[in-house]
Amino acid sequence: MNEPGSEPSSPGGAVAPPVDAHLELLLRLVAVRREASMAICLTTPGGIVGGHLVGPQAWADRWEEVVSEAIGRQERSELLAQLPHTVQAALRQTTGDDGGLQPFIHLVDVTFMSVPGTPTTPVWRGRVRDICGWSLGAPS
């Protein structure tokens, strides 16, 4: 059993990072409404990432748009474009939706602010456990 205020142990004795209840709540909010989105900046070990927080379904929709634009609407491209939806459906079917913690965070219209030239990308997905800090809103 863990002491109050200590980090929980995961299987194998490794220390699991503490849960950020505020961020978890935001992830759940955007997951229940496909059209929900909010500007957010994340601090990660790789740098600062800014974009719009969306749920997994909205992110998968955007992925499909980006892939379809990039490689056209051919039969083979359809499979790649629909990959996130296919994976999410398979996960729901095999694991069910048990209300567990969100393992991934999904952003669209992303700007990487810690590298020269501030590159952008339409979709980004990262592990929640790699988020060091966050703030609502976009930098000005």
N, C-alpha and C. Protein backbone atom coordinates (compact mmCIF):
# COMPACT_ATOMS: atom_id res chain seq x y z
N MET A 1 0.85 -1.18 0.00
CA MET A 1 0.00 0.00 0.00
C MET A 1 0.89 1.23 0.00
N ASN A 2 0.46 2.26 -0.67
CA ASN A 2 1.25 3.49 -0.77
C ASN A 2 0.92 4.44 0.37
N GLU A 3 1.93 5.16 0.78
CA GLU A 3 1.76 6.20 1.79
C GLU A 3 0.97 7.34 1.18
N PRO A 4 0.18 8.07 1.97
CA PRO A 4 -0.52 9.25 1.43
C PRO A 4 0.50 10.23 0.84
N GLY A 5 0.21 10.70 -0.36
CA GLY A 5 1.09 11.66 -1.01
C GLY A 5 2.21 11.02 -1.81
N SER A 6 2.36 9.68 -1.71
CA SER A 6 3.40 9.02 -2.49
C SER A 6 2.83 8.60 -3.83
N GLU A 7 3.73 8.30 -4.77
CA GLU A 7 3.29 7.87 -6.08
C GLU A 7 2.93 6.40 -6.05
N PRO A 8 1.87 6.00 -6.75
CA PRO A 8 1.47 4.60 -6.75
C PRO A 8 2.45 3.74 -7.51
N SER A 9 2.55 2.48 -7.12
CA SER A 9 3.40 1.53 -7.83
C SER A 9 2.58 0.82 -8.88
N SER A 10 3.22 0.53 -10.00
CA SER A 10 2.57 -0.25 -11.04
C SER A 10 3.13 -1.66 -10.99
N PRO A 11 2.55 -2.58 -11.75
CA PRO A 11 3.06 -3.95 -11.74
C PRO A 11 4.55 -3.97 -12.03
N GLY A 12 5.28 -4.81 -11.33
CA GLY A 12 6.72 -4.89 -11.52
C GLY A 12 7.48 -3.94 -10.61
N GLY A 13 6.77 -3.18 -9.77
CA GLY A 13 7.43 -2.30 -8.82
C GLY A 13 7.80 -0.93 -9.36
N ALA A 14 7.55 -0.65 -10.64
CA ALA A 14 7.86 0.66 -11.19
C ALA A 14 6.90 1.69 -10.61
N VAL A 15 7.38 2.91 -10.45
CA VAL A 15 6.54 3.96 -9.90
C VAL A 15 5.75 4.62 -11.03
N ALA A 16 4.43 4.61 -10.90
CA ALA A 16 3.56 5.24 -11.89
C ALA A 16 3.45 6.73 -11.58
N PRO A 17 3.39 7.57 -12.61
CA PRO A 17 3.25 9.01 -12.34
C PRO A 17 1.89 9.30 -11.72
N PRO A 18 1.79 10.33 -10.91
CA PRO A 18 0.50 10.68 -10.31
C PRO A 18 -0.48 11.14 -11.39
N VAL A 19 -1.74 10.94 -11.14
CA VAL A 19 -2.78 11.33 -12.09
C VAL A 19 -3.09 12.81 -11.92
N ASP A 20 -3.13 13.54 -13.02
CA ASP A 20 -3.54 14.94 -13.00
C ASP A 20 -5.05 14.95 -13.21
N ALA A 21 -5.78 15.04 -12.12
CA ALA A 21 -7.25 14.95 -12.18
C ALA A 21 -7.85 16.06 -13.04
N HIS A 22 -7.26 17.23 -13.03
CA HIS A 22 -7.78 18.34 -13.84
C HIS A 22 -7.66 18.02 -15.34
N LEU A 23 -6.48 17.53 -15.74
CA LEU A 23 -6.28 17.19 -17.14
C LEU A 23 -7.17 16.01 -17.53
N GLU A 24 -7.29 15.03 -16.66
CA GLU A 24 -8.15 13.88 -16.93
C GLU A 24 -9.60 14.33 -17.16
N LEU A 25 -10.06 15.28 -16.38
CA LEU A 25 -11.42 15.81 -16.54
C LEU A 25 -11.58 16.48 -17.91
N LEU A 26 -10.58 17.27 -18.32
CA LEU A 26 -10.64 17.91 -19.64
C LEU A 26 -10.67 16.87 -20.76
N LEU A 27 -9.87 15.81 -20.61
CA LEU A 27 -9.84 14.76 -21.63
C LEU A 27 -11.20 14.07 -21.74
N ARG A 28 -11.84 13.85 -20.61
CA ARG A 28 -13.16 13.21 -20.62
C ARG A 28 -14.22 14.14 -21.21
N LEU A 29 -14.10 15.44 -20.93
CA LEU A 29 -15.07 16.40 -21.48
C LEU A 29 -15.02 16.44 -23.00
N VAL A 30 -13.82 16.50 -23.58
CA VAL A 30 -13.73 16.57 -25.03
C VAL A 30 -14.04 15.22 -25.68
N ALA A 31 -13.92 14.14 -24.94
CA ALA A 31 -14.20 12.81 -25.49
C ALA A 31 -15.70 12.57 -25.67
N VAL A 32 -16.53 13.20 -24.85
CA VAL A 32 -17.97 12.92 -24.93
C VAL A 32 -18.69 13.74 -26.01
N ARG A 33 -18.08 14.83 -26.44
CA ARG A 33 -18.69 15.64 -27.51
C ARG A 33 -17.72 15.76 -28.66
N ARG A 34 -18.06 15.15 -29.76
CA ARG A 34 -17.18 15.09 -30.93
C ARG A 34 -16.75 16.48 -31.40
N GLU A 35 -17.62 17.48 -31.27
CA GLU A 35 -17.31 18.83 -31.75
C GLU A 35 -16.58 19.68 -30.71
N ALA A 36 -16.37 19.15 -29.51
CA ALA A 36 -15.70 19.91 -28.45
C ALA A 36 -14.22 20.10 -28.77
N SER A 37 -13.72 21.28 -28.44
CA SER A 37 -12.32 21.63 -28.69
C SER A 37 -11.95 22.77 -27.77
N MET A 38 -10.71 22.77 -27.29
CA MET A 38 -10.23 23.91 -26.51
C MET A 38 -8.74 24.10 -26.72
N ALA A 39 -8.33 25.35 -26.78
CA ALA A 39 -6.92 25.68 -26.97
C ALA A 39 -6.15 25.30 -25.71
N ILE A 40 -4.98 24.69 -25.91
CA ILE A 40 -4.16 24.24 -24.78
C ILE A 40 -2.69 24.25 -25.18
N CYS A 41 -1.83 24.50 -24.21
CA CYS A 41 -0.37 24.39 -24.39
C CYS A 41 0.12 23.31 -23.44
N LEU A 42 0.95 22.41 -23.95
CA LEU A 42 1.48 21.31 -23.15
C LEU A 42 2.99 21.43 -23.05
N THR A 43 3.51 21.15 -21.88
CA THR A 43 4.94 21.03 -21.70
C THR A 43 5.25 19.54 -21.65
N THR A 44 6.15 19.11 -22.54
CA THR A 44 6.54 17.71 -22.62
C THR A 44 8.06 17.62 -22.52
N PRO A 45 8.61 16.43 -22.35
CA PRO A 45 10.07 16.33 -22.35
C PRO A 45 10.69 16.79 -23.66
N GLY A 46 9.92 16.75 -24.76
CA GLY A 46 10.43 17.19 -26.06
C GLY A 46 10.25 18.66 -26.35
N GLY A 47 9.52 19.37 -25.50
CA GLY A 47 9.29 20.79 -25.71
C GLY A 47 7.85 21.18 -25.48
N ILE A 48 7.52 22.38 -25.92
CA ILE A 48 6.18 22.92 -25.74
C ILE A 48 5.37 22.71 -27.01
N VAL A 49 4.17 22.19 -26.82
CA VAL A 49 3.27 21.89 -27.92
C VAL A 49 1.97 22.64 -27.68
N GLY A 50 1.52 23.41 -28.65
CA GLY A 50 0.25 24.12 -28.54
C GLY A 50 -0.70 23.66 -29.61
N GLY A 51 -1.98 23.64 -29.30
CA GLY A 51 -2.97 23.23 -30.28
C GLY A 51 -4.35 23.23 -29.66
N HIS A 52 -5.26 22.52 -30.28
CA HIS A 52 -6.63 22.40 -29.78
C HIS A 52 -6.86 20.98 -29.29
N LEU A 53 -7.19 20.86 -28.03
CA LEU A 53 -7.50 19.58 -27.42
C LEU A 53 -8.83 19.08 -27.95
N VAL A 54 -8.83 17.84 -28.44
CA VAL A 54 -10.05 17.20 -28.95
C VAL A 54 -10.10 15.77 -28.43
N GLY A 55 -11.25 15.16 -28.57
CA GLY A 55 -11.40 13.77 -28.18
C GLY A 55 -10.85 12.84 -29.25
N PRO A 56 -10.71 11.56 -28.90
CA PRO A 56 -10.16 10.59 -29.86
C PRO A 56 -10.96 10.47 -31.16
N GLN A 57 -12.27 10.59 -31.10
CA GLN A 57 -13.08 10.48 -32.32
C GLN A 57 -12.86 11.67 -33.24
N ALA A 58 -12.83 12.87 -32.68
CA ALA A 58 -12.59 14.07 -33.49
C ALA A 58 -11.19 14.02 -34.09
N TRP A 59 -10.22 13.53 -33.31
CA TRP A 59 -8.86 13.41 -33.80
C TRP A 59 -8.80 12.41 -34.97
N ALA A 60 -9.51 11.29 -34.82
CA ALA A 60 -9.54 10.27 -35.88
C ALA A 60 -10.21 10.83 -37.14
N ASP A 61 -11.25 11.65 -36.96
CA ASP A 61 -11.90 12.30 -38.11
C ASP A 61 -10.90 13.19 -38.85
N ARG A 62 -10.15 13.96 -38.09
CA ARG A 62 -9.17 14.87 -38.69
C ARG A 62 -8.07 14.08 -39.39
N TRP A 63 -7.60 13.01 -38.75
CA TRP A 63 -6.58 12.13 -39.35
C TRP A 63 -7.06 11.67 -40.73
N GLU A 64 -8.31 11.23 -40.79
CA GLU A 64 -8.88 10.72 -42.02
C GLU A 64 -8.85 11.81 -43.11
N GLU A 65 -9.21 13.04 -42.77
CA GLU A 65 -9.17 14.15 -43.71
C GLU A 65 -7.75 14.39 -44.23
N VAL A 66 -6.79 14.42 -43.31
CA VAL A 66 -5.40 14.71 -43.68
C VAL A 66 -4.85 13.64 -44.60
N VAL A 67 -5.05 12.38 -44.27
CA VAL A 67 -4.53 11.28 -45.08
C VAL A 67 -5.21 11.27 -46.45
N SER A 68 -6.52 11.47 -46.47
CA SER A 68 -7.24 11.48 -47.75
C SER A 68 -6.74 12.59 -48.66
N GLU A 69 -6.47 13.76 -48.09
CA GLU A 69 -5.94 14.88 -48.89
C GLU A 69 -4.54 14.57 -49.40
N ALA A 70 -3.74 13.93 -48.56
CA ALA A 70 -2.34 13.69 -48.92
C ALA A 70 -2.18 12.63 -50.00
N ILE A 71 -2.97 11.56 -49.93
CA ILE A 71 -2.74 10.47 -50.88
C ILE A 71 -3.93 10.17 -51.78
N GLY A 72 -4.95 10.97 -51.68
CA GLY A 72 -6.09 10.80 -52.57
C GLY A 72 -7.07 9.74 -52.09
N ARG A 73 -8.17 9.66 -52.76
CA ARG A 73 -9.24 8.73 -52.36
C ARG A 73 -9.16 7.43 -53.15
N GLN A 74 -8.08 6.74 -53.02
CA GLN A 74 -7.94 5.43 -53.64
C GLN A 74 -8.32 4.39 -52.60
N GLU A 75 -8.59 3.18 -53.06
CA GLU A 75 -9.01 2.11 -52.15
C GLU A 75 -7.96 1.87 -51.06
N ARG A 76 -6.69 1.86 -51.43
CA ARG A 76 -5.63 1.60 -50.44
C ARG A 76 -5.51 2.74 -49.45
N SER A 77 -5.74 3.97 -49.90
CA SER A 77 -5.64 5.11 -48.99
C SER A 77 -6.79 5.12 -48.00
N GLU A 78 -7.95 4.59 -48.40
CA GLU A 78 -9.10 4.54 -47.49
C GLU A 78 -8.75 3.74 -46.23
N LEU A 79 -8.04 2.63 -46.39
CA LEU A 79 -7.67 1.80 -45.24
C LEU A 79 -6.78 2.58 -44.28
N LEU A 80 -5.80 3.30 -44.80
CA LEU A 80 -4.91 4.10 -43.96
C LEU A 80 -5.66 5.26 -43.32
N ALA A 81 -6.52 5.90 -44.09
CA ALA A 81 -7.27 7.04 -43.56
C ALA A 81 -8.18 6.63 -42.42
N GLN A 82 -8.75 5.44 -42.51
CA GLN A 82 -9.70 4.98 -41.49
C GLN A 82 -9.03 4.23 -40.34
N LEU A 83 -7.70 4.14 -40.35
CA LEU A 83 -6.98 3.38 -39.34
C LEU A 83 -7.33 3.76 -37.90
N PRO A 84 -7.33 5.05 -37.51
CA PRO A 84 -7.66 5.37 -36.12
C PRO A 84 -9.06 4.91 -35.72
N HIS A 85 -10.04 5.08 -36.60
CA HIS A 85 -11.40 4.62 -36.28
C HIS A 85 -11.43 3.10 -36.12
N THR A 86 -10.71 2.40 -36.98
CA THR A 86 -10.66 0.94 -36.91
C THR A 86 -10.03 0.48 -35.60
N VAL A 87 -8.93 1.10 -35.22
CA VAL A 87 -8.25 0.74 -33.97
C VAL A 87 -9.15 1.04 -32.77
N GLN A 88 -9.77 2.20 -32.75
CA GLN A 88 -10.64 2.55 -31.62
C GLN A 88 -11.81 1.58 -31.50
N ALA A 89 -12.40 1.18 -32.62
CA ALA A 89 -13.52 0.23 -32.58
C ALA A 89 -13.05 -1.12 -32.06
N ALA A 90 -11.87 -1.56 -32.50
CA ALA A 90 -11.34 -2.83 -32.03
C ALA A 90 -11.04 -2.79 -30.53
N LEU A 91 -10.50 -1.69 -30.05
CA LEU A 91 -10.22 -1.56 -28.62
C LEU A 91 -11.50 -1.58 -27.80
N ARG A 92 -12.52 -0.87 -28.27
CA ARG A 92 -13.80 -0.87 -27.55
C ARG A 92 -14.38 -2.27 -27.50
N GLN A 93 -14.22 -3.01 -28.59
CA GLN A 93 -14.78 -4.36 -28.68
C GLN A 93 -14.03 -5.33 -27.76
N THR A 94 -12.71 -5.21 -27.68
CA THR A 94 -11.93 -6.17 -26.89
C THR A 94 -11.80 -5.78 -25.43
N THR A 95 -11.71 -4.50 -25.14
CA THR A 95 -11.50 -4.08 -23.75
C THR A 95 -12.74 -3.48 -23.12
N GLY A 96 -13.69 -3.05 -23.93
CA GLY A 96 -14.87 -2.37 -23.39
C GLY A 96 -14.49 -0.99 -22.91
N ASP A 97 -15.46 -0.18 -22.60
CA ASP A 97 -15.20 1.16 -22.08
C ASP A 97 -15.46 1.12 -20.59
N ASP A 98 -14.39 0.90 -19.83
CA ASP A 98 -14.54 0.73 -18.38
C ASP A 98 -14.40 2.03 -17.60
N GLY A 99 -14.29 3.15 -18.29
CA GLY A 99 -14.17 4.42 -17.58
C GLY A 99 -12.80 4.64 -16.98
N GLY A 100 -11.79 3.89 -17.43
CA GLY A 100 -10.44 4.03 -16.92
C GLY A 100 -9.81 5.35 -17.33
N LEU A 101 -8.60 5.57 -16.88
CA LEU A 101 -7.88 6.80 -17.19
C LEU A 101 -7.55 6.87 -18.68
N GLN A 102 -7.51 8.08 -19.19
CA GLN A 102 -7.20 8.31 -20.59
C GLN A 102 -5.68 8.15 -20.79
N PRO A 103 -5.23 7.21 -21.62
CA PRO A 103 -3.79 7.03 -21.80
C PRO A 103 -3.16 8.03 -22.79
N PHE A 104 -3.97 8.58 -23.71
CA PHE A 104 -3.44 9.47 -24.74
C PHE A 104 -4.18 10.79 -24.76
N ILE A 105 -3.47 11.81 -25.24
CA ILE A 105 -4.04 13.13 -25.42
C ILE A 105 -3.96 13.44 -26.91
N HIS A 106 -5.01 14.06 -27.45
CA HIS A 106 -5.12 14.31 -28.88
C HIS A 106 -5.26 15.80 -29.15
N LEU A 107 -4.42 16.32 -30.05
CA LEU A 107 -4.48 17.73 -30.44
C LEU A 107 -4.62 17.83 -31.96
N VAL A 108 -5.27 18.91 -32.39
CA VAL A 108 -5.32 19.26 -33.81
C VAL A 108 -4.82 20.70 -33.96
N ASP A 109 -4.42 21.05 -35.19
CA ASP A 109 -3.90 22.40 -35.48
C ASP A 109 -2.77 22.75 -34.51
N VAL A 110 -1.73 21.96 -34.55
CA VAL A 110 -0.64 21.97 -33.57
C VAL A 110 0.53 22.83 -34.02
N THR A 111 1.13 23.53 -33.06
CA THR A 111 2.37 24.29 -33.27
C THR A 111 3.39 23.82 -32.25
N PHE A 112 4.60 23.49 -32.72
CA PHE A 112 5.70 23.11 -31.84
C PHE A 112 6.48 24.39 -31.54
N MET A 113 6.42 24.84 -30.29
CA MET A 113 6.96 26.15 -29.95
C MET A 113 8.39 26.12 -29.42
N SER A 114 8.98 24.94 -29.27
CA SER A 114 10.32 24.85 -28.71
C SER A 114 11.38 24.57 -29.75
N VAL A 115 11.03 24.67 -31.02
CA VAL A 115 11.99 24.43 -32.08
C VAL A 115 12.02 25.65 -33.00
N PRO A 116 13.15 25.89 -33.66
CA PRO A 116 13.24 27.05 -34.55
C PRO A 116 12.21 27.00 -35.67
N GLY A 117 11.62 28.13 -35.97
CA GLY A 117 10.70 28.22 -37.08
C GLY A 117 9.26 27.84 -36.74
N THR A 118 8.99 27.44 -35.54
CA THR A 118 7.65 27.03 -35.08
C THR A 118 6.89 26.19 -36.12
N PRO A 119 7.35 24.96 -36.37
CA PRO A 119 6.63 24.10 -37.31
C PRO A 119 5.24 23.73 -36.81
N THR A 120 4.38 23.40 -37.75
CA THR A 120 3.00 23.04 -37.42
C THR A 120 2.67 21.68 -38.01
N THR A 121 1.60 21.09 -37.50
CA THR A 121 1.08 19.84 -38.03
C THR A 121 -0.42 19.79 -37.76
N PRO A 122 -1.18 19.11 -38.60
CA PRO A 122 -2.63 19.09 -38.39
C PRO A 122 -3.08 18.19 -37.24
N VAL A 123 -2.36 17.11 -36.96
CA VAL A 123 -2.75 16.19 -35.88
C VAL A 123 -1.54 15.79 -35.05
N TRP A 124 -1.77 15.60 -33.74
CA TRP A 124 -0.71 15.17 -32.82
C TRP A 124 -1.36 14.31 -31.74
N ARG A 125 -0.66 13.26 -31.34
CA ARG A 125 -1.14 12.35 -30.30
C ARG A 125 0.04 12.05 -29.39
N GLY A 126 -0.16 12.17 -28.09
CA GLY A 126 0.91 11.90 -27.14
C GLY A 126 0.40 11.16 -25.92
N ARG A 127 1.32 10.59 -25.16
CA ARG A 127 0.95 9.89 -23.93
C ARG A 127 0.71 10.89 -22.82
N VAL A 128 -0.37 10.71 -22.11
CA VAL A 128 -0.72 11.61 -21.01
C VAL A 128 0.39 11.60 -19.96
N ARG A 129 0.98 10.44 -19.71
CA ARG A 129 2.01 10.35 -18.67
C ARG A 129 3.26 11.16 -19.01
N ASP A 130 3.41 11.59 -20.28
CA ASP A 130 4.56 12.40 -20.68
C ASP A 130 4.30 13.90 -20.58
N ILE A 131 3.11 14.28 -20.14
CA ILE A 131 2.80 15.71 -19.99
C ILE A 131 3.36 16.18 -18.65
N CYS A 132 4.27 17.15 -18.71
CA CYS A 132 4.88 17.70 -17.49
C CYS A 132 4.04 18.82 -16.90
N GLY A 133 3.35 19.54 -17.77
CA GLY A 133 2.52 20.66 -17.35
C GLY A 133 1.67 21.13 -18.51
N TRP A 134 0.68 21.94 -18.22
CA TRP A 134 -0.21 22.42 -19.27
C TRP A 134 -0.89 23.72 -18.84
N SER A 135 -1.38 24.44 -19.83
CA SER A 135 -2.16 25.64 -19.56
C SER A 135 -3.23 25.76 -20.63
N LEU A 136 -4.37 26.29 -20.24
CA LEU A 136 -5.43 26.52 -21.20
C LEU A 136 -5.13 27.76 -22.01
N GLY A 137 -5.57 27.79 -23.25
CA GLY A 137 -5.38 28.93 -24.11
C GLY A 137 -4.17 28.77 -25.01
N ALA A 138 -4.12 29.61 -26.01
CA ALA A 138 -3.02 29.61 -26.97
C ALA A 138 -2.08 30.77 -26.65
N PRO A 139 -0.79 30.59 -26.90
CA PRO A 139 0.12 31.70 -26.65
C PRO A 139 -0.12 32.83 -27.65
N SER A 140 0.11 34.05 -27.21
CA SER A 140 -0.11 35.19 -28.12
C SER A 140 1.19 35.70 -28.68
